[in-house]
Structures are given as structure tokens and as C-alpha cells.
Amino acid sequence: MSNKRLLSLDVLRGITVAGMILVNDGYGDTFVTLQHAKWNGMTPCDLVFPFFLFIMGISTYLSLRKYQFQWSAAAARKILKRTIVIFAIGLGINWLAIALGGDWGWSHLRIMGVMQRIAICYGVVSLLALSMNHKYTLHVCFGLLVVYTIILLTGNGYAYDATNIAARIDDAVLGYDHLYHKSPVDPEGLLGTISAIAHTLIGFWCGRAMMKAKTTNERVLRFLLAGGILVIGGWLLSFGLPLNKRIWSPSYVLMTCGLASLLQGILMYVIDIQGYQRWSTFFMVFGVNPLFLYVLSEVMAIVFGQYGVNDALYNMIHTVVLNTYWASLCYALTYVLICWAVGWWLYKRKVFIKI
């Protein structure tokens, strides 16, 4: 597949990363659509991270094709290095947050996080990609989701308290001082990583289906068909297993993968077939340096928050935009635009920072 025909994937990745920055960097009162669902249910905000894992699954397939999906020293080094680096960056972000607050030790360091989940999903899916016959990809996904469903149903997995099996496992394995404390269940905890791996594998399978299609039209149809089936499946499953981002429920996996697949199919039609590309440059900037710009936004939020920059920035915006909800949105958009400006500088110089 040529670079031109991968443009829509970069755009979807860019939309997703821009969305991740937007929803993570509000201030004070924010619109409901820019807040994660507290427990069961789903808001637009709950789509950005799962979209990223879906895209990562596709990208993993494309990346490992050059090794013919065979074990080699080069492939093993690449997978191991990238997994460790991404996980370590996630730990570094968590450490920076407590270090600037005066705790320079490791006794209260949160172990898990967004980057850590990305690292684990990438590492496991990459290893599976080199170890199994790809025609069994969906079988593995199904098996993981069935096992996870059984664990949820037998372990009080939908309880929004410390009795939840996910919370108990995190507490037992990681220890209370190393957990996420803003809710009883860590949204990037250990147990939910099982279904997140299945989620990434669905993206991997879609990448395989895309590459086996003979024409771009056929690729579009495959994404739309897979997306429709997954959305319907997720909706039906949600009657017994509600949509829930914090535990990454099986219905949430199917629904968000389906929506991501549908959007990828639409973008591929608009950009790759119809040729409407000029509008997409803004998102391309995020799409070609995704993790770097996401990490930049996280570091900015921590540093700016510690030294009062966030308060000053919001107050300046609030003097012009009096409504607190709109002021918060403008504040978040400012973060997006700052990261975009850095990304644009890199993009124009063809600097692509791979993490």
C-alpha cells in the first residue's frame, strides 16, 4: 500500500490524539460530552483512547509485515525496546506529577496509566502476531473476551466500589499506594488490560483484512461492514454487560472498535477515493507524531499546573469568555493548539519522533 493510501489512517490517528488532548485538559466545569462517563454508559469522550488502541492494532500489522511475521533478532529487539520505552515514559509522567509536588521517592508512584496500557497491548499483540496463525486472530479475541466476561460476572466486576474484582487484583498485585485514587476502579488497571489486548487484536485483524483487499473501494467496504457488525454486536451485548470504559467491558470493546472501523472507512472514502485532503492537514500534524505530542500535552499540564500557568491561562480566557463551560473548552483548545504548533514545526521539517 502506498503512503498516499495510508493518509486516512494518519488522519484518524491525528483526530484521536487531538481528541485525547482536548478531553484531558479541561479546567473546572466542562461540558458533559467532554467528561468520561462516571461508570456505566459512554460519552464521546470515551471514544478517544479505544480509537487509539484500534489504530495501533492496524499499525502493528503494517509494521510487522516487513518481518513477514517471523521471529528474528531485529523484530524481537524492536518489540522489546518499544514496549519498555513506552511503559517507562508512562511511569515518568506519573513520577513527574508527584515529584513536582515534593515527593521525590517511589513509594506513592502510580504504576499503571494510559501509556503503560498502550505499551502492554502493543507488546502482547506484537508477540502474538509473530507466534500465531493470523486466521485465528478473532478466535483469540473471542477467547479473551469470554474469559474476561466470566471474571467480571463472578467477581462483582460491575460494582463501583472496592469489592470489584478489578480493584481487588490491583490492590493485591500493585499495592494501594501505587494505584489510581480518583475512583474505586483504576481505568487502566491490570484486569481490564485483558479486554484491551482483545481490542487491539481486533484492530490488528482489520489491518490484515485491509491489506488483503484488492482495491481501495473494497477496503472501505470491509471497514464499514466490520464496523457495522461490531457496533450491532456491542449494542446487543450491552443489555447484559453494560458499556463501561473503566473496566473496559466486552460490549465497550465491540462498540468502540466498530465506531473506529466505521470512521476509518468513511475517512478512507473521503480522503483516499474522493481526494478531499486539504482539510485533513491539521490532523495529519498530530497523526505523524502522535505519542510525542500526547506526552508533551501531559508534561505541559503537570508543569503548568505546578507553577500556576494553568490558573493564569484560564483566568485570562475567563475574562473574555464568561461562561465557565465555554471558557474550559477554550482552555482545552489552547492546549491542543500549542501541541499542534509544536507538531507543525516538526511536520514541516519532516521530523517524525517514533516512540
Protein backbone atom coordinates (compact mmCIF):
# COMPACT_ATOMS: atom_id res chain seq x y z
CA MET A 1 0.00 0.00 0.00
CA SER A 2 1.40 3.41 -0.88
CA ASN A 3 1.86 6.27 1.55
CA LYS A 4 -1.00 8.12 -0.14
CA ARG A 5 -3.37 5.30 0.63
CA LEU A 6 -2.34 5.34 4.28
CA LEU A 7 -3.20 9.03 4.64
CA SER A 8 -6.64 8.31 6.05
CA LEU A 9 -5.12 6.19 8.83
CA ASP A 10 -2.78 9.02 9.81
CA VAL A 11 -5.73 11.41 9.82
CA LEU A 12 -7.79 9.11 12.05
CA ARG A 13 -4.81 8.78 14.38
CA GLY A 14 -4.46 12.55 14.41
CA ILE A 15 -8.15 13.10 15.18
CA THR A 16 -7.81 10.64 18.03
CA VAL A 17 -4.70 12.20 19.57
CA ALA A 18 -6.14 15.72 19.26
CA GLY A 19 -9.26 14.37 20.98
CA MET A 20 -7.20 12.79 23.76
CA ILE A 21 -5.51 16.13 24.46
CA LEU A 22 -8.82 18.00 24.31
CA VAL A 23 -10.65 15.80 26.80
CA ASN A 24 -7.70 15.54 29.19
CA ASP A 25 -7.06 19.27 29.51
CA GLY A 26 -10.27 20.95 30.53
CA TYR A 27 -10.37 23.29 33.52
CA GLY A 28 -13.09 23.30 36.17
CA ASP A 29 -16.62 22.97 34.80
CA THR A 30 -16.66 21.13 31.47
CA PHE A 31 -19.40 20.01 29.10
CA VAL A 32 -20.74 16.50 29.73
CA THR A 33 -19.57 15.44 26.28
CA LEU A 34 -16.01 16.24 27.36
CA GLN A 35 -16.27 14.18 30.55
CA HIS A 36 -15.80 10.45 30.87
CA ALA A 37 -18.84 8.50 31.97
CA LYS A 38 -18.56 8.02 35.73
CA TRP A 39 -19.43 4.33 35.43
CA ASN A 40 -21.84 2.57 33.06
CA GLY A 41 -22.57 4.33 29.80
CA MET A 42 -20.42 6.14 27.27
CA THR A 43 -19.82 9.73 26.18
CA PRO A 44 -17.93 10.95 23.08
CA CYS A 45 -15.01 11.49 25.42
CA ASP A 46 -14.86 7.73 25.99
CA LEU A 47 -14.06 7.07 22.34
CA VAL A 48 -10.61 8.60 22.05
CA PHE A 49 -8.43 6.08 23.90
CA PRO A 50 -10.13 2.98 22.45
CA PHE A 51 -9.82 4.51 18.98
CA PHE A 52 -6.08 4.84 19.57
CA LEU A 53 -5.74 1.17 20.55
CA PHE A 54 -7.73 0.13 17.47
CA ILE A 55 -5.46 2.20 15.23
CA MET A 56 -2.40 0.80 16.99
CA GLY A 57 -3.62 -2.68 16.13
CA ILE A 58 -3.78 -1.75 12.43
CA SER A 59 -0.37 -0.07 12.60
CA THR A 60 1.14 -3.11 14.32
CA TYR A 61 0.05 -5.30 11.44
CA LEU A 62 1.53 -2.88 8.90
CA SER A 63 4.75 -2.51 10.89
CA LEU A 64 5.42 -6.23 11.36
CA ARG A 65 4.74 -7.10 7.71
CA LYS A 66 8.32 -6.19 6.86
CA TYR A 67 9.45 -9.08 9.08
CA GLN A 68 6.97 -11.42 7.31
CA PHE A 69 5.58 -12.01 10.82
CA GLN A 70 8.54 -14.26 11.53
CA TRP A 71 10.69 -14.25 14.64
CA SER A 72 14.05 -12.56 14.23
CA ALA A 73 16.51 -10.76 16.46
CA ALA A 74 15.60 -7.44 14.82
CA ALA A 75 11.85 -7.96 15.35
CA ALA A 76 12.33 -9.05 18.96
CA ARG A 77 14.56 -6.07 19.73
CA LYS A 78 12.08 -3.65 18.17
CA ILE A 79 9.13 -5.04 20.14
CA LEU A 80 11.01 -5.24 23.44
CA LYS A 81 12.57 -1.78 23.09
CA ARG A 82 9.32 -0.05 22.14
CA THR A 83 7.35 -1.77 24.88
CA ILE A 84 9.88 -0.81 27.56
CA VAL A 85 10.27 2.77 26.31
CA ILE A 86 6.51 3.46 26.18
CA PHE A 87 5.95 1.91 29.62
CA ALA A 88 8.89 3.85 31.08
CA ILE A 89 7.58 7.13 29.67
CA GLY A 90 4.24 6.45 31.33
CA LEU A 91 5.98 5.84 34.65
CA GLY A 92 7.99 9.00 34.11
CA ILE A 93 4.84 11.07 33.62
CA ASN A 94 3.35 9.64 36.82
CA TRP A 95 6.59 10.28 38.70
CA LEU A 96 6.82 13.88 37.45
CA ALA A 97 3.33 14.57 38.79
CA ILE A 98 4.31 13.55 42.34
CA ALA A 99 7.91 14.81 42.17
CA LEU A 100 6.85 18.38 41.42
CA GLY A 101 4.54 18.08 44.39
CA GLY A 102 7.53 17.37 46.64
CA ASP A 103 7.52 13.55 46.72
CA TRP A 104 10.76 12.50 45.03
CA GLY A 105 10.52 8.88 46.10
CA TRP A 106 8.72 5.93 44.57
CA SER A 107 6.52 4.98 47.50
CA HIS A 108 3.39 6.60 46.01
CA LEU A 109 4.13 6.20 42.32
CA ARG A 110 1.13 5.04 40.29
CA ILE A 111 2.26 2.04 38.25
CA MET A 112 -0.39 1.90 35.54
CA GLY A 113 -1.65 4.60 33.17
CA VAL A 114 -2.54 5.32 29.55
CA MET A 115 1.00 4.90 28.21
CA GLN A 116 1.51 1.75 30.25
CA ARG A 117 -1.64 0.17 28.81
CA ILE A 118 -0.52 1.15 25.31
CA ALA A 119 2.85 -0.49 25.98
CA ILE A 120 1.37 -3.74 27.27
CA CYS A 121 -1.17 -4.01 24.45
CA TYR A 122 1.48 -3.29 21.83
CA GLY A 123 3.92 -5.79 23.31
CA VAL A 124 1.44 -8.64 23.73
CA VAL A 125 -0.25 -8.16 20.34
CA SER A 126 3.14 -7.94 18.60
CA LEU A 127 4.29 -11.16 20.23
CA LEU A 128 1.05 -12.88 19.26
CA ALA A 129 1.44 -11.59 15.70
CA LEU A 130 4.78 -13.37 15.41
CA SER A 131 3.61 -16.52 17.18
CA MET A 132 0.18 -17.47 15.83
CA ASN A 133 -1.58 -18.16 12.58
CA HIS A 134 -3.38 -14.90 11.83
CA LYS A 135 -6.53 -16.66 10.71
CA TYR A 136 -7.11 -17.42 14.41
CA THR A 137 -6.91 -13.76 15.47
CA LEU A 138 -10.65 -13.42 16.06
CA HIS A 139 -10.67 -16.76 17.89
CA VAL A 140 -8.12 -15.38 20.34
CA CYS A 141 -10.15 -12.17 20.71
CA PHE A 142 -13.28 -14.18 21.41
CA GLY A 143 -11.46 -16.34 23.95
CA LEU A 144 -10.04 -13.34 25.81
CA LEU A 145 -13.42 -11.62 25.95
CA VAL A 146 -15.19 -14.78 27.15
CA VAL A 147 -12.62 -15.30 29.92
CA TYR A 148 -12.88 -11.65 30.89
CA THR A 149 -16.69 -11.81 30.94
CA ILE A 150 -16.61 -14.81 33.28
CA ILE A 151 -14.22 -12.97 35.60
CA LEU A 152 -16.45 -9.90 35.64
CA LEU A 153 -19.64 -11.84 36.29
CA THR A 154 -18.16 -13.98 39.04
CA GLY A 155 -16.04 -11.25 40.62
CA ASN A 156 -18.56 -8.44 41.12
CA GLY A 157 -16.97 -6.72 38.15
CA TYR A 158 -19.68 -4.09 37.74
CA ALA A 159 -19.56 -2.86 41.34
CA TYR A 160 -18.40 0.74 41.70
CA ASP A 161 -16.52 0.08 44.93
CA ALA A 162 -13.52 -1.73 46.38
CA THR A 163 -15.27 -5.13 46.17
CA ASN A 164 -14.84 -5.08 42.39
CA ILE A 165 -12.52 -7.87 41.25
CA ALA A 166 -10.51 -5.36 39.19
CA ALA A 167 -9.88 -3.19 42.25
CA ARG A 168 -9.01 -6.19 44.39
CA ILE A 169 -6.48 -7.51 41.87
CA ASP A 170 -4.80 -4.12 41.50
CA ASP A 171 -4.61 -3.73 45.27
CA ALA A 172 -3.18 -7.23 45.75
CA VAL A 173 -0.63 -7.06 42.94
CA LEU A 174 0.40 -3.40 42.82
CA GLY A 175 -0.40 -2.22 46.35
CA TYR A 176 -2.73 0.58 47.43
CA ASP A 177 -0.07 3.31 47.32
CA HIS A 178 0.62 2.60 43.65
CA LEU A 179 -2.98 2.82 42.45
CA TYR A 180 -5.24 5.40 40.84
CA HIS A 181 -7.23 7.02 43.65
CA LYS A 182 -9.77 9.20 41.84
CA SER A 183 -12.23 6.30 41.58
CA PRO A 184 -12.57 2.86 43.21
CA VAL A 185 -11.52 1.14 39.97
CA ASP A 186 -8.40 2.12 38.04
CA PRO A 187 -9.48 2.85 34.42
CA GLU A 188 -6.13 1.47 33.23
CA GLY A 189 -5.86 -1.35 35.76
CA LEU A 190 -4.40 -4.80 35.28
CA LEU A 191 -7.58 -6.81 34.76
CA GLY A 192 -9.05 -4.53 32.10
CA THR A 193 -5.87 -4.95 30.10
CA ILE A 194 -7.14 -8.40 29.09
CA SER A 195 -10.01 -6.92 27.10
CA ALA A 196 -7.80 -4.04 25.91
CA ILE A 197 -5.49 -6.63 24.32
CA ALA A 198 -8.51 -8.18 22.59
CA HIS A 199 -9.44 -4.67 21.50
CA THR A 200 -6.03 -4.11 19.89
CA LEU A 201 -6.23 -7.53 18.24
CA ILE A 202 -9.47 -6.51 16.54
CA GLY A 203 -7.58 -3.55 15.09
CA PHE A 204 -4.84 -5.95 14.00
CA TRP A 205 -7.40 -8.16 12.28
CA CYS A 206 -8.87 -5.14 10.50
CA GLY A 207 -5.39 -4.21 9.33
CA ARG A 208 -4.98 -7.70 7.90
CA ALA A 209 -8.38 -7.52 6.19
CA MET A 210 -7.47 -4.12 4.73
CA MET A 211 -4.21 -5.38 3.26
CA LYS A 212 -5.87 -8.43 1.73
CA ALA A 213 -8.39 -6.29 -0.13
CA LYS A 214 -7.51 -5.70 -3.79
CA THR A 215 -8.86 -2.16 -4.19
CA THR A 216 -9.43 0.88 -2.01
CA ASN A 217 -13.17 0.53 -2.60
CA GLU A 218 -13.03 -2.98 -1.21
CA ARG A 219 -11.07 -1.74 1.79
CA VAL A 220 -13.71 0.86 2.50
CA LEU A 221 -16.45 -1.76 2.30
CA ARG A 222 -14.56 -4.08 4.64
CA PHE A 223 -14.12 -1.36 7.26
CA LEU A 224 -17.77 -0.36 7.01
CA LEU A 225 -19.00 -3.95 7.17
CA ALA A 226 -16.77 -4.84 10.12
CA GLY A 227 -17.76 -1.62 11.85
CA GLY A 228 -21.47 -2.25 11.41
CA ILE A 229 -21.24 -5.81 12.72
CA LEU A 230 -19.16 -4.76 15.73
CA VAL A 231 -21.45 -1.85 16.65
CA ILE A 232 -24.54 -4.06 16.48
CA GLY A 233 -22.75 -6.76 18.47
CA GLY A 234 -21.64 -4.26 21.12
CA TRP A 235 -25.14 -2.80 21.38
CA LEU A 236 -26.74 -6.22 21.83
CA LEU A 237 -24.11 -7.30 24.35
CA SER A 238 -24.60 -4.09 26.35
CA PHE A 239 -28.02 -5.33 27.52
CA GLY A 240 -26.26 -7.94 29.66
CA LEU A 241 -22.82 -6.35 30.00
CA PRO A 242 -23.24 -2.56 30.01
CA LEU A 243 -20.83 -0.27 28.23
CA ASN A 244 -18.15 0.70 30.73
CA LYS A 245 -14.81 2.33 29.98
CA ARG A 246 -13.37 1.99 33.47
CA ILE A 247 -13.48 -1.80 33.35
CA TRP A 248 -13.13 -1.86 29.53
CA SER A 249 -16.19 -4.09 29.29
CA PRO A 250 -16.60 -6.53 26.36
CA SER A 251 -19.54 -4.51 24.98
CA TYR A 252 -17.36 -1.40 25.15
CA VAL A 253 -14.66 -3.20 23.15
CA LEU A 254 -17.04 -4.17 20.36
CA MET A 255 -18.86 -0.83 20.26
CA THR A 256 -15.76 1.37 20.17
CA CYS A 257 -13.90 -0.86 17.72
CA GLY A 258 -16.97 -0.77 15.50
CA LEU A 259 -17.23 3.01 15.60
CA ALA A 260 -13.50 3.34 14.89
CA SER A 261 -13.80 0.97 11.93
CA LEU A 262 -16.77 2.90 10.55
CA LEU A 263 -14.91 6.20 10.84
CA GLN A 264 -11.83 4.71 9.20
CA GLY A 265 -13.97 3.52 6.30
CA ILE A 266 -15.58 6.96 5.91
CA LEU A 267 -12.21 8.74 6.03
CA MET A 268 -10.75 6.33 3.52
CA TYR A 269 -13.62 7.05 1.16
CA VAL A 270 -13.42 10.84 1.62
CA ILE A 271 -9.62 11.16 1.55
CA ASP A 272 -8.29 8.24 -0.46
CA ILE A 273 -11.06 7.81 -3.03
CA GLN A 274 -12.67 11.25 -3.34
CA GLY A 275 -9.38 13.07 -2.77
CA TYR A 276 -10.65 15.62 -0.25
CA GLN A 277 -7.38 16.04 1.65
CA ARG A 278 -6.74 19.72 2.28
CA TRP A 279 -8.93 19.84 5.39
CA SER A 280 -7.00 16.95 6.94
CA THR A 281 -3.61 18.67 7.29
CA PHE A 282 -4.44 19.90 10.79
CA PHE A 283 -4.96 16.33 11.98
CA MET A 284 -2.05 14.95 9.97
CA VAL A 285 0.24 17.02 12.19
CA PHE A 286 -0.97 15.02 15.20
CA GLY A 287 -1.10 11.75 13.26
CA VAL A 288 2.57 11.60 12.30
CA ASN A 289 3.92 12.37 15.81
CA PRO A 290 1.07 11.00 17.94
CA LEU A 291 2.66 9.73 21.13
CA PHE A 292 5.22 12.53 21.29
CA LEU A 293 2.52 15.20 21.15
CA TYR A 294 0.33 13.33 23.65
CA VAL A 295 3.26 13.05 26.08
CA LEU A 296 4.05 16.73 25.51
CA SER A 297 0.49 17.66 26.50
CA GLU A 298 0.70 15.57 29.67
CA VAL A 299 4.04 17.07 30.71
CA MET A 300 2.77 20.58 29.96
CA ALA A 301 -0.33 20.01 32.10
CA ILE A 302 1.77 18.81 35.05
CA VAL A 303 4.42 21.53 34.84
CA PHE A 304 1.99 24.35 34.09
CA GLY A 305 -0.27 23.20 36.89
CA GLN A 306 2.56 23.13 39.42
CA TYR A 307 3.79 26.63 38.61
CA GLY A 308 0.42 28.35 38.27
CA VAL A 309 0.46 28.74 34.49
CA ASN A 310 -2.81 26.83 34.13
CA ASP A 311 -4.61 29.12 36.56
CA ALA A 312 -3.26 32.24 34.87
CA LEU A 313 -4.16 30.95 31.41
CA TYR A 314 -7.70 30.03 32.43
CA ASN A 315 -8.28 33.32 34.23
CA MET A 316 -7.13 35.22 31.14
CA ILE A 317 -9.54 33.23 28.97
CA HIS A 318 -12.34 33.59 31.51
CA THR A 319 -12.11 37.39 31.41
CA VAL A 320 -13.13 37.19 27.74
CA VAL A 321 -15.32 34.07 27.79
CA LEU A 322 -17.55 34.49 30.83
CA ASN A 323 -19.42 31.17 30.66
CA THR A 324 -17.31 28.67 32.63
CA TYR A 325 -18.12 25.74 30.35
CA TRP A 326 -17.08 27.60 27.21
CA ALA A 327 -14.06 29.01 28.99
CA SER A 328 -12.98 25.49 29.89
CA LEU A 329 -13.41 24.39 26.28
CA CYS A 330 -11.33 27.34 25.04
CA TYR A 331 -8.69 26.47 27.64
CA ALA A 332 -8.54 22.86 26.39
CA LEU A 333 -8.41 24.04 22.78
CA THR A 334 -5.45 26.23 23.72
CA TYR A 335 -3.58 23.09 24.80
CA VAL A 336 -4.50 21.43 21.51
CA LEU A 337 -3.24 24.43 19.53
CA ILE A 338 0.03 24.65 21.47
CA CYS A 339 0.73 20.98 20.76
CA TRP A 340 -0.33 21.47 17.15
CA ALA A 341 2.13 24.36 16.78
CA VAL A 342 4.97 22.15 18.01
CA GLY A 343 3.76 19.33 15.76
CA TRP A 344 3.51 21.66 12.76
CA TRP A 345 7.12 22.78 13.27
CA LEU A 346 8.20 19.11 13.29
CA TYR A 347 5.93 18.24 10.35
CA LYS A 348 7.31 20.99 8.12
CA ARG A 349 10.84 19.78 8.85
CA LYS A 350 9.85 16.15 8.27
CA VAL A 351 10.83 15.23 11.81
CA PHE A 352 8.93 12.16 12.99
CA ILE A 353 9.61 11.15 16.56
CA LYS A 354 8.86 7.47 16.95
CA ILE A 355 8.04 6.29 20.44
